[in-house]
Structure formats: structure tokens, C-alpha cells
Amino acid sequence: MKLVIDLFSKGWVHKDFNIEYISNQSTDVDLIVGRKGSDYIKEVRSSRNVFEFEGVEDCFKLFLKILVAKEVTFLVMLNKYIPLVLFSRMMGKKVFYVVHKYNLTTRKRRNFVNFLYNLLGFFGVKSISLEEPYHFFRNNIVVSIDMWKNVDISKVKEVSKISKVAFIGKPVDGKNFALLKKIADKKNLEIVIYSDDNLDINGVTVKPFTSNIAECDVIWGYYDDAYYKGIQSGLCYPSLESGLKVITNGNVGFKFFSTKYSDYLIEYNSVDELFKGMTK
């Protein structure tokens, strides 16, 4: 039996990715462990065994489930879960974690965290990615999975001129929001942020994450390579579902996606190209 664990995601967070990964990389004899009430757990319970983790009171139950498993995969591994990863490995289990932006940024910013990850690698813990990751992830397995084969795909929306740009999620480091705002202010473009966070940004419209983004012309995905090298962006799902193309920085965050759905991407390889392309 394999355990597939995500103790972080709640509500809609990581829903699409988790569902597709679980569908492709687990069977009905495996156990999916997730936070109680999370959307992806609700979705997979019809085809998979699930254990809804409610809090500290369920830790002992989780330890017991690890003991009887042969393999443990962490869909989201934060630094605070490293002791749980080490426990799983010490119990002789095969242990994996899926690479995401958090793993990369914390390793780059903090030498001690990078040391801990290297220690995990020394003990046989392996990372999993959809494309070649940043060089830090030496013990890595690249899996070729079409994570979007079950998406209800819309026809690509062709636009002759960009006037409204969708920015999905909170404007955190690595998403180059300041660059987008600079372009928008210069060329009078409208920015719509789709997020459930309480944001107050001058000159920007904020709508709930679940709102329909089809009103926009394109999706902003011009990511900083330092944050998204080898990381598969979650923007692939709303792009395919809405038909909106994603503006990218040399397809950073979309390398594997680009091999299958290149029509849904607008690739720029420099800021100069970006300015010219968005403002012509």
C-alpha cells in the first residue's frame, strides 16, 4: 500500500494538480491522506481510500498508517514536515516528495534548509518532478504524466490586442506582478486579480478565485526563473479550461506543458520582447 499525503492544502488549493496526480500515480488499494474538507479529497473519495486529517489528534493514526505502508509520497512537503519524512524513511519506507515552488525558494534562501534536504537525499528520499528540476534536486525522478488529459479543454482564444490581463493568485515573489503593473500603467491595460486574499492594490480589480476569467484576454505567467525553474505552474488548468493563452518568460514553469499544449502559451524571452508584444 502507498500513502499519498498532503497535510497542507485546504479548500480549492492544489485541487486540480492533486486530483490528476492521484489519478495517475495511485490505485484503489492506496490511501490518500488530506485535510478534512479539502476539495480534492471530496473529489477522489469515490475512487480512492481516504483518511481526512483534522489536526494534532490524528497524528498517532497517521503514524500507524505509515507503519503499514510500503511507500509514502508527499504531494506538498513543507519544512515542518521533514521530521515526518525522516520518520517514514527510518521505518524503512520508500519516500518521495513532489517538487514545488516552496521547496525551491526555501532551499535557495536558507543554507540550513538546503542542508536538511541534502540529508534527506542521503537517507534515500527522492523528489519527483514533471520536468528537469533546479540542480539542487539531485535525487530526482522525472515522471511524464499528462496532468491535463481530464480537463474540459476550451478552444484557444485569439486576441488581436490585449486590454485586460488575468493575474491568478496572490502577487507573491516570483510572479513579477510589479513588472505587469508597470506595463499596465504605461499602456492603460486593466489587471484583474483572481484571489481570495484580502488585497488592496491601487488601480487593480480583485475578484474571488473561482470567478470566470474568460472576460480577460490573456493570463499573466511571466515568472521569475529563480522561483520556477523546473516547477510546473498551476496556471495550465485555468488556461485550458478558459481557452486564454498564458504570457510566459521563455515558458518558465510551463516546459512540460509546452510539449503538449504550446498553442495555449505566448512565449517571450526577454523583457524587451514582452513590452513590445503586450503593447503593440
C-alpha atoms as a PDB file:
ATOM      1  CA  MET A   1       0.000   0.000   0.000  1.00  0.00           C
ATOM      2  CA  LYS A   2       1.123   3.511  -0.844  1.00  0.00           C
ATOM      3  CA  LEU A   3       0.332   6.596   1.224  1.00  0.00           C
ATOM      4  CA  VAL A   4      -0.138   9.838  -0.718  1.00  0.00           C
ATOM      5  CA  ILE A   5      -0.065  12.740   1.747  1.00  0.00           C
ATOM      6  CA  ASP A   6      -0.954  16.425   1.598  1.00  0.00           C
ATOM      7  CA  LEU A   7      -1.468  17.923   5.057  1.00  0.00           C
ATOM      8  CA  PHE A   8      -1.274  21.493   3.759  1.00  0.00           C
ATOM      9  CA  SER A   9      -3.869  22.077   1.043  1.00  0.00           C
ATOM     10  CA  LYS A  10      -7.377  23.132   2.007  1.00  0.00           C
ATOM     11  CA  GLY A  11     -10.398  24.279   0.034  1.00  0.00           C
ATOM     12  CA  TRP A  12      -9.552  24.676  -3.663  1.00  0.00           C
ATOM     13  CA  VAL A  13      -5.762  24.885  -3.120  1.00  0.00           C
ATOM     14  CA  HIS A  14      -3.880  22.375  -5.336  1.00  0.00           C
ATOM     15  CA  LYS A  15      -7.194  20.694  -6.206  1.00  0.00           C
ATOM     16  CA  ASP A  16      -6.581  20.107  -9.920  1.00  0.00           C
ATOM     17  CA  PHE A  17      -2.952  19.021  -9.571  1.00  0.00           C
ATOM     18  CA  ASN A  18      -3.661  16.667  -6.658  1.00  0.00           C
ATOM     19  CA  ILE A  19      -6.604  15.010  -8.388  1.00  0.00           C
ATOM     20  CA  GLU A  20      -4.635  14.365 -11.571  1.00  0.00           C
ATOM     21  CA  TYR A  21      -1.540  13.159  -9.734  1.00  0.00           C
ATOM     22  CA  ILE A  22      -3.583  10.784  -7.562  1.00  0.00           C
ATOM     23  CA  SER A  23      -5.450   9.522 -10.615  1.00  0.00           C
ATOM     24  CA  ASN A  24      -2.203   8.794 -12.459  1.00  0.00           C
ATOM     25  CA  GLN A  25       0.103   7.682  -9.651  1.00  0.00           C
ATOM     26  CA  SER A  26      -2.060   5.665  -7.248  1.00  0.00           C
ATOM     27  CA  THR A  27      -4.546   2.788  -7.269  1.00  0.00           C
ATOM     28  CA  ASP A  28      -7.691   1.935  -5.340  1.00  0.00           C
ATOM     29  CA  VAL A  29      -5.650  -0.041  -2.789  1.00  0.00           C
ATOM     30  CA  ASP A  30      -3.623   3.017  -1.795  1.00  0.00           C
ATOM     31  CA  LEU A  31      -4.561   5.538   0.883  1.00  0.00           C
ATOM     32  CA  ILE A  32      -4.880   9.286   0.277  1.00  0.00           C
ATOM     33  CA  VAL A  33      -4.296  11.477   3.342  1.00  0.00           C
ATOM     34  CA  GLY A  34      -5.526  15.065   3.228  1.00  0.00           C
ATOM     35  CA  ARG A  35      -7.025  17.823   5.322  1.00  0.00           C
ATOM     36  CA  LYS A  36     -10.655  17.337   6.227  1.00  0.00           C
ATOM     37  CA  GLY A  37     -12.974  19.104   3.817  1.00  0.00           C
ATOM     38  CA  SER A  38     -10.350  19.883   1.153  1.00  0.00           C
ATOM     39  CA  ASP A  39     -11.834  19.918  -2.333  1.00  0.00           C
ATOM     40  CA  TYR A  40      -9.511  17.316  -3.820  1.00  0.00           C
ATOM     41  CA  ILE A  41     -10.308  14.844  -1.021  1.00  0.00           C
ATOM     42  CA  LYS A  42     -14.027  15.250  -1.708  1.00  0.00           C
ATOM     43  CA  GLU A  43     -13.346  14.543  -5.362  1.00  0.00           C
ATOM     44  CA  VAL A  44     -11.182  11.420  -5.034  1.00  0.00           C
ATOM     45  CA  ARG A  45     -13.112   9.686  -2.251  1.00  0.00           C
ATOM     46  CA  SER A  46     -15.312   7.952  -4.847  1.00  0.00           C
ATOM     47  CA  SER A  47     -12.335   6.113  -6.362  1.00  0.00           C
ATOM     48  CA  ARG A  48      -9.728   6.026  -3.577  1.00  0.00           C
ATOM     49  CA  ASN A  49      -9.468   5.209   0.106  1.00  0.00           C
ATOM     50  CA  VAL A  50      -9.113   8.468   2.013  1.00  0.00           C
ATOM     51  CA  PHE A  51      -8.116   9.497   5.525  1.00  0.00           C
ATOM     52  CA  GLU A  52      -9.222  13.012   6.435  1.00  0.00           C
ATOM     53  CA  PHE A  53      -6.674  14.568   8.754  1.00  0.00           C
ATOM     54  CA  GLU A  54      -8.256  17.013  11.218  1.00  0.00           C
ATOM     55  CA  GLY A  55      -5.314  18.025  13.358  1.00  0.00           C
ATOM     56  CA  VAL A  56      -2.828  17.011  16.045  1.00  0.00           C
ATOM     57  CA  GLU A  57      -5.284  14.471  17.432  1.00  0.00           C
ATOM     58  CA  ASP A  58      -4.887  12.421  14.235  1.00  0.00           C
ATOM     59  CA  CYS A  59      -1.067  12.290  14.313  1.00  0.00           C
ATOM     60  CA  PHE A  60      -0.957   8.920  16.080  1.00  0.00           C
ATOM     61  CA  LYS A  61      -3.348   7.441  13.496  1.00  0.00           C
ATOM     62  CA  LEU A  62      -1.124   8.787  10.732  1.00  0.00           C
ATOM     63  CA  PHE A  63       1.990   7.219  12.286  1.00  0.00           C
ATOM     64  CA  LEU A  64       0.198   3.855  12.380  1.00  0.00           C
ATOM     65  CA  LYS A  65      -0.771   4.152   8.731  1.00  0.00           C
ATOM     66  CA  ILE A  66       2.839   4.940   7.805  1.00  0.00           C
ATOM     67  CA  LEU A  67       3.972   1.812   9.644  1.00  0.00           C
ATOM     68  CA  VAL A  68       1.818  -0.476   7.471  1.00  0.00           C
ATOM     69  CA  ALA A  69       2.583   1.293   4.173  1.00  0.00           C
ATOM     70  CA  LYS A  70       5.334   0.286   1.760  1.00  0.00           C
ATOM     71  CA  GLU A  71       5.714   3.695   0.157  1.00  0.00           C
ATOM     72  CA  VAL A  72       4.970   7.294   1.157  1.00  0.00           C
ATOM     73  CA  THR A  73       4.652  10.251  -1.217  1.00  0.00           C
ATOM     74  CA  PHE A  74       4.231  13.839  -0.005  1.00  0.00           C
ATOM     75  CA  LEU A  75       2.348  15.973  -2.508  1.00  0.00           C
ATOM     76  CA  VAL A  76       3.260  19.064  -0.506  1.00  0.00           C
ATOM     77  CA  MET A  77       6.304  18.926   1.749  1.00  0.00           C
ATOM     78  CA  LEU A  78       6.918  21.963   3.937  1.00  0.00           C
ATOM     79  CA  ASN A  79       9.947  22.249   6.209  1.00  0.00           C
ATOM     80  CA  LYS A  80       7.817  21.404   9.241  1.00  0.00           C
ATOM     81  CA  TYR A  81       7.012  18.020   7.691  1.00  0.00           C
ATOM     82  CA  ILE A  82      10.661  16.982   7.426  1.00  0.00           C
ATOM     83  CA  PRO A  83      10.532  15.069  10.759  1.00  0.00           C
ATOM     84  CA  LEU A  84       7.579  13.084   9.387  1.00  0.00           C
ATOM     85  CA  VAL A  85       9.552  12.380   6.215  1.00  0.00           C
ATOM     86  CA  LEU A  86      12.533  11.179   8.247  1.00  0.00           C
ATOM     87  CA  PHE A  87      10.276   9.007  10.420  1.00  0.00           C
ATOM     88  CA  SER A  88       8.840   7.377   7.284  1.00  0.00           C
ATOM     89  CA  ARG A  89      12.314   6.662   5.946  1.00  0.00           C
ATOM     90  CA  MET A  90      13.579   5.361   9.299  1.00  0.00           C
ATOM     91  CA  MET A  91      10.692   2.897   9.261  1.00  0.00           C
ATOM     92  CA  GLY A  92      12.105   1.518   6.017  1.00  0.00           C
ATOM     93  CA  LYS A  93       9.555   3.047   3.662  1.00  0.00           C
ATOM     94  CA  LYS A  94      10.293   4.316   0.173  1.00  0.00           C
ATOM     95  CA  VAL A  95       9.755   8.061   0.475  1.00  0.00           C
ATOM     96  CA  PHE A  96       9.146  10.675  -2.230  1.00  0.00           C
ATOM     97  CA  TYR A  97       8.031  14.291  -2.393  1.00  0.00           C
ATOM     98  CA  VAL A  98       6.748  16.329  -5.322  1.00  0.00           C
ATOM     99  CA  VAL A  99       8.882  19.380  -6.104  1.00  0.00           C
ATOM    100  CA  HIS A 100       7.079  22.704  -5.920  1.00  0.00           C
ATOM    101  CA  LYS A 101       7.984  26.370  -5.592  1.00  0.00           C
ATOM    102  CA  TYR A 102       8.187  26.279  -1.797  1.00  0.00           C
ATOM    103  CA  ASN A 103      10.886  23.596  -1.837  1.00  0.00           C
ATOM    104  CA  LEU A 104      12.975  25.563  -4.297  1.00  0.00           C
ATOM    105  CA  THR A 105      12.722  29.012  -2.691  1.00  0.00           C
ATOM    106  CA  THR A 106      13.383  27.847   0.875  1.00  0.00           C
ATOM    107  CA  ARG A 107      16.412  25.837  -0.230  1.00  0.00           C
ATOM    108  CA  LYS A 108      17.848  28.808  -2.085  1.00  0.00           C
ATOM    109  CA  ARG A 109      17.258  31.269   0.742  1.00  0.00           C
ATOM    110  CA  ARG A 110      18.409  29.231   3.734  1.00  0.00           C
ATOM    111  CA  ASN A 111      21.580  27.147   3.789  1.00  0.00           C
ATOM    112  CA  PHE A 112      20.370  25.111   6.765  1.00  0.00           C
ATOM    113  CA  VAL A 113      17.192  24.107   4.917  1.00  0.00           C
ATOM    114  CA  ASN A 114      19.250  23.097   1.893  1.00  0.00           C
ATOM    115  CA  PHE A 115      21.417  21.008   4.236  1.00  0.00           C
ATOM    116  CA  LEU A 116      18.297  19.267   5.565  1.00  0.00           C
ATOM    117  CA  TYR A 117      17.142  18.439   2.043  1.00  0.00           C
ATOM    118  CA  ASN A 118      20.569  17.082   1.182  1.00  0.00           C
ATOM    119  CA  LEU A 119      20.374  14.986   4.337  1.00  0.00           C
ATOM    120  CA  LEU A 120      17.040  13.588   3.173  1.00  0.00           C
ATOM    121  CA  GLY A 121      18.649  12.690  -0.128  1.00  0.00           C
ATOM    122  CA  PHE A 122      21.497  10.957   1.714  1.00  0.00           C
ATOM    123  CA  PHE A 123      18.913   8.821   3.528  1.00  0.00           C
ATOM    124  CA  GLY A 124      17.299   7.834   0.229  1.00  0.00           C
ATOM    125  CA  VAL A 125      14.392  10.292  -0.003  1.00  0.00           C
ATOM    126  CA  LYS A 126      13.721  11.189  -3.657  1.00  0.00           C
ATOM    127  CA  SER A 127      11.991  14.132  -5.284  1.00  0.00           C
ATOM    128  CA  ILE A 128       9.537  13.875  -8.174  1.00  0.00           C
ATOM    129  CA  SER A 129       9.009  16.439 -10.921  1.00  0.00           C
ATOM    130  CA  LEU A 130       7.364  16.701 -14.338  1.00  0.00           C
ATOM    131  CA  GLU A 131      10.500  18.167 -15.901  1.00  0.00           C
ATOM    132  CA  GLU A 132      14.168  18.622 -15.093  1.00  0.00           C
ATOM    133  CA  PRO A 133      14.323  20.498 -11.771  1.00  0.00           C
ATOM    134  CA  TYR A 134      16.732  23.049 -10.367  1.00  0.00           C
ATOM    135  CA  HIS A 135      20.174  21.497  -9.790  1.00  0.00           C
ATOM    136  CA  PHE A 136      19.605  21.337  -6.003  1.00  0.00           C
ATOM    137  CA  PHE A 137      17.312  18.359  -6.529  1.00  0.00           C
ATOM    138  CA  ARG A 138      19.914  15.709  -7.283  1.00  0.00           C
ATOM    139  CA  ASN A 139      17.934  12.639  -6.185  1.00  0.00           C
ATOM    140  CA  ASN A 140      15.069  13.337  -8.561  1.00  0.00           C
ATOM    141  CA  ILE A 141      12.730  11.284 -10.723  1.00  0.00           C
ATOM    142  CA  VAL A 142      11.141  12.932 -13.761  1.00  0.00           C
ATOM    143  CA  VAL A 143       7.704  11.474 -14.496  1.00  0.00           C
ATOM    144  CA  SER A 144       5.998  12.004 -17.842  1.00  0.00           C
ATOM    145  CA  ILE A 145       2.335  12.437 -16.982  1.00  0.00           C
ATOM    146  CA  ASP A 146      -0.281  14.331 -18.951  1.00  0.00           C
ATOM    147  CA  MET A 147      -1.711  16.073 -15.899  1.00  0.00           C
ATOM    148  CA  TRP A 148      -4.372  17.748 -18.017  1.00  0.00           C
ATOM    149  CA  LYS A 149      -5.884  14.892 -20.010  1.00  0.00           C
ATOM    150  CA  ASN A 150      -9.140  15.016 -18.000  1.00  0.00           C
ATOM    151  CA  VAL A 151      -9.563  18.781 -18.253  1.00  0.00           C
ATOM    152  CA  ASP A 152     -12.578  20.082 -20.165  1.00  0.00           C
ATOM    153  CA  ILE A 153     -10.493  21.967 -22.744  1.00  0.00           C
ATOM    154  CA  SER A 154     -11.811  25.115 -24.428  1.00  0.00           C
ATOM    155  CA  LYS A 155     -10.718  26.355 -27.833  1.00  0.00           C
ATOM    156  CA  VAL A 156      -7.827  28.830 -27.755  1.00  0.00           C
ATOM    157  CA  LYS A 157      -8.988  32.441 -27.634  1.00  0.00           C
ATOM    158  CA  GLU A 158      -7.164  34.504 -30.231  1.00  0.00           C
ATOM    159  CA  VAL A 159      -6.889  38.224 -29.462  1.00  0.00           C
ATOM    160  CA  SER A 160      -5.553  40.943 -31.741  1.00  0.00           C
ATOM    161  CA  LYS A 161      -4.945  43.391 -28.904  1.00  0.00           C
ATOM    162  CA  ILE A 162      -4.516  42.862 -25.172  1.00  0.00           C
ATOM    163  CA  SER A 163      -6.629  45.128 -22.968  1.00  0.00           C
ATOM    164  CA  LYS A 164      -7.447  43.014 -19.886  1.00  0.00           C
ATOM    165  CA  VAL A 165      -4.980  40.680 -18.145  1.00  0.00           C
ATOM    166  CA  ALA A 166      -5.875  37.961 -15.622  1.00  0.00           C
ATOM    167  CA  PHE A 167      -3.494  37.554 -12.686  1.00  0.00           C
ATOM    168  CA  ILE A 168      -4.350  34.403 -10.765  1.00  0.00           C
ATOM    169  CA  GLY A 169      -3.486  34.079  -7.088  1.00  0.00           C
ATOM    170  CA  LYS A 170      -1.727  36.370  -4.642  1.00  0.00           C
ATOM    171  CA  PRO A 171       1.045  38.608  -6.100  1.00  0.00           C
ATOM    172  CA  VAL A 172       3.875  36.794  -4.320  1.00  0.00           C
ATOM    173  CA  ASP A 173       7.588  36.841  -5.092  1.00  0.00           C
ATOM    174  CA  GLY A 174       8.452  35.215  -8.386  1.00  0.00           C
ATOM    175  CA  LYS A 175       5.266  36.151 -10.258  1.00  0.00           C
ATOM    176  CA  ASN A 176       6.645  39.511 -11.445  1.00  0.00           C
ATOM    177  CA  PHE A 177       3.500  41.446 -10.565  1.00  0.00           C
ATOM    178  CA  ALA A 178       5.428  44.738 -10.383  1.00  0.00           C
ATOM    179  CA  LEU A 179       6.503  44.237 -13.994  1.00  0.00           C
ATOM    180  CA  LEU A 180       2.919  43.616 -15.096  1.00  0.00           C
ATOM    181  CA  LYS A 181       1.727  46.720 -13.187  1.00  0.00           C
ATOM    182  CA  LYS A 182       4.429  48.797 -14.851  1.00  0.00           C
ATOM    183  CA  ILE A 183       3.310  47.686 -18.316  1.00  0.00           C
ATOM    184  CA  ALA A 184      -0.363  48.150 -17.453  1.00  0.00           C
ATOM    185  CA  ASP A 185       0.161  51.673 -16.139  1.00  0.00           C
ATOM    186  CA  LYS A 186       2.157  52.644 -19.206  1.00  0.00           C
ATOM    187  CA  LYS A 187      -0.284  51.219 -21.752  1.00  0.00           C
ATOM    188  CA  ASN A 188      -3.544  51.591 -19.807  1.00  0.00           C
ATOM    189  CA  LEU A 189      -4.199  47.855 -19.506  1.00  0.00           C
ATOM    190  CA  GLU A 190      -6.704  46.512 -16.990  1.00  0.00           C
ATOM    191  CA  ILE A 191      -5.480  43.958 -14.431  1.00  0.00           C
ATOM    192  CA  VAL A 192      -7.923  41.586 -12.745  1.00  0.00           C
ATOM    193  CA  ILE A 193      -6.538  39.593  -9.816  1.00  0.00           C
ATOM    194  CA  TYR A 194      -8.390  36.376  -9.045  1.00  0.00           C
ATOM    195  CA  SER A 195      -7.697  35.627  -5.387  1.00  0.00           C
ATOM    196  CA  ASP A 196      -9.494  35.029  -2.107  1.00  0.00           C
ATOM    197  CA  ASP A 197      -6.905  37.084  -0.232  1.00  0.00           C
ATOM    198  CA  ASN A 198      -7.847  40.491   1.124  1.00  0.00           C
ATOM    199  CA  LEU A 199      -5.884  42.619  -1.350  1.00  0.00           C
ATOM    200  CA  ASP A 200      -5.966  46.386  -1.736  1.00  0.00           C
ATOM    201  CA  ILE A 201      -3.910  47.368  -4.778  1.00  0.00           C
ATOM    202  CA  ASN A 202      -4.465  50.708  -6.406  1.00  0.00           C
ATOM    203  CA  GLY A 203      -5.825  50.552  -9.945  1.00  0.00           C
ATOM    204  CA  VAL A 204      -6.431  46.795  -9.854  1.00  0.00           C
ATOM    205  CA  THR A 205      -9.695  44.850  -9.733  1.00  0.00           C
ATOM    206  CA  VAL A 206      -9.801  41.885  -7.321  1.00  0.00           C
ATOM    207  CA  LYS A 207     -12.320  39.073  -7.784  1.00  0.00           C
ATOM    208  CA  PRO A 208     -12.847  35.723  -5.986  1.00  0.00           C
ATOM    209  CA  PHE A 209     -10.562  32.938  -7.159  1.00  0.00           C
ATOM    210  CA  THR A 210     -13.473  30.919  -8.547  1.00  0.00           C
ATOM    211  CA  SER A 211     -14.737  33.748 -10.775  1.00  0.00           C
ATOM    212  CA  ASN A 212     -14.845  33.182 -14.530  1.00  0.00           C
ATOM    213  CA  ILE A 213     -11.634  34.511 -16.088  1.00  0.00           C
ATOM    214  CA  ALA A 214     -12.953  34.266 -19.653  1.00  0.00           C
ATOM    215  CA  GLU A 215     -13.703  38.012 -19.573  1.00  0.00           C
ATOM    216  CA  CYS A 216      -9.952  38.655 -19.856  1.00  0.00           C
ATOM    217  CA  ASP A 217      -7.753  38.452 -22.923  1.00  0.00           C
ATOM    218  CA  VAL A 218      -4.717  36.598 -21.527  1.00  0.00           C
ATOM    219  CA  ILE A 219      -3.301  35.167 -18.301  1.00  0.00           C
ATOM    220  CA  TRP A 220      -0.102  36.540 -16.775  1.00  0.00           C
ATOM    221  CA  GLY A 221       2.504  33.823 -16.277  1.00  0.00           C
ATOM    222  CA  TYR A 222       5.775  35.679 -16.867  1.00  0.00           C
ATOM    223  CA  TYR A 223       7.557  34.009 -13.953  1.00  0.00           C
ATOM    224  CA  ASP A 224      10.991  34.630 -12.498  1.00  0.00           C
ATOM    225  CA  ASP A 225      13.265  31.721 -13.402  1.00  0.00           C
ATOM    226  CA  ALA A 226      14.813  31.810  -9.915  1.00  0.00           C
ATOM    227  CA  TYR A 227      11.466  30.817  -8.399  1.00  0.00           C
ATOM    228  CA  TYR A 228      10.023  28.486 -11.022  1.00  0.00           C
ATOM    229  CA  LYS A 229      12.952  26.604 -12.562  1.00  0.00           C
ATOM    230  CA  GLY A 230      11.583  23.090 -13.109  1.00  0.00           C
ATOM    231  CA  ILE A 231       8.296  23.882 -11.325  1.00  0.00           C
ATOM    232  CA  GLN A 232       5.096  23.146 -13.234  1.00  0.00           C
ATOM    233  CA  SER A 233       2.719  26.102 -12.926  1.00  0.00           C
ATOM    234  CA  GLY A 234      -0.882  25.653 -11.825  1.00  0.00           C
ATOM    235  CA  LEU A 235      -1.967  28.156 -14.486  1.00  0.00           C
ATOM    236  CA  CYS A 236      -2.144  25.335 -17.019  1.00  0.00           C
ATOM    237  CA  TYR A 237      -5.579  24.347 -15.716  1.00  0.00           C
ATOM    238  CA  PRO A 238      -7.367  27.722 -15.981  1.00  0.00           C
ATOM    239  CA  SER A 239      -5.706  28.286 -19.347  1.00  0.00           C
ATOM    240  CA  LEU A 240      -7.073  25.067 -20.839  1.00  0.00           C
ATOM    241  CA  GLU A 241     -10.474  25.499 -19.190  1.00  0.00           C
ATOM    242  CA  SER A 242     -10.938  29.108 -20.330  1.00  0.00           C
ATOM    243  CA  GLY A 243      -9.056  28.999 -23.629  1.00  0.00           C
ATOM    244  CA  LEU A 244      -6.962  32.005 -22.584  1.00  0.00           C
ATOM    245  CA  LYS A 245      -3.305  31.986 -23.533  1.00  0.00           C
ATOM    246  CA  VAL A 246      -0.633  32.409 -20.857  1.00  0.00           C
ATOM    247  CA  ILE A 247       2.103  35.013 -21.274  1.00  0.00           C
ATOM    248  CA  THR A 248       5.366  33.319 -20.274  1.00  0.00           C
ATOM    249  CA  ASN A 249       9.025  34.048 -19.713  1.00  0.00           C
ATOM    250  CA  GLY A 250      10.577  31.550 -22.101  1.00  0.00           C
ATOM    251  CA  ASN A 251       7.977  29.022 -20.874  1.00  0.00           C
ATOM    252  CA  VAL A 252       9.484  29.028 -17.368  1.00  0.00           C
ATOM    253  CA  GLY A 253       7.024  26.983 -15.307  1.00  0.00           C
ATOM    254  CA  PHE A 254       5.470  25.563 -18.467  1.00  0.00           C
ATOM    255  CA  LYS A 255       8.266  23.491 -20.049  1.00  0.00           C
ATOM    256  CA  PHE A 256       6.483  20.145 -19.929  1.00  0.00           C
ATOM    257  CA  PHE A 257       3.099  21.736 -20.633  1.00  0.00           C
ATOM    258  CA  SER A 258       4.541  23.396 -23.742  1.00  0.00           C
ATOM    259  CA  THR A 259       5.368  19.997 -25.263  1.00  0.00           C
ATOM    260  CA  LYS A 260       1.659  19.147 -25.377  1.00  0.00           C
ATOM    261  CA  TYR A 261      -0.266  22.428 -25.398  1.00  0.00           C
ATOM    262  CA  SER A 262       2.019  25.041 -26.936  1.00  0.00           C
ATOM    263  CA  ASP A 263      -0.962  26.790 -28.583  1.00  0.00           C
ATOM    264  CA  TYR A 264      -2.014  27.989 -25.135  1.00  0.00           C
ATOM    265  CA  LEU A 265       1.251  29.839 -24.478  1.00  0.00           C
ATOM    266  CA  ILE A 266       2.718  33.160 -25.597  1.00  0.00           C
ATOM    267  CA  GLU A 267       6.454  32.884 -25.140  1.00  0.00           C
ATOM    268  CA  TYR A 268       8.681  35.923 -24.649  1.00  0.00           C
ATOM    269  CA  ASN A 269      12.385  35.515 -23.991  1.00  0.00           C
ATOM    270  CA  SER A 270      13.200  38.990 -22.657  1.00  0.00           C
ATOM    271  CA  VAL A 271      11.548  41.978 -21.028  1.00  0.00           C
ATOM    272  CA  ASP A 272      12.020  43.944 -24.252  1.00  0.00           C
ATOM    273  CA  GLU A 273      10.125  41.282 -26.206  1.00  0.00           C
ATOM    274  CA  LEU A 274       7.433  41.317 -23.533  1.00  0.00           C
ATOM    275  CA  PHE A 275       6.927  45.095 -23.711  1.00  0.00           C
ATOM    276  CA  LYS A 276       6.752  45.052 -27.493  1.00  0.00           C
ATOM    277  CA  GLY A 277       4.448  42.044 -27.601  1.00  0.00           C
ATOM    278  CA  MET A 278       1.968  43.276 -24.997  1.00  0.00           C
ATOM    279  CA  THR A 279       1.776  46.868 -26.166  1.00  0.00           C
ATOM    280  CA  LYS A 280       1.737  46.607 -29.950  1.00  0.00           C
END
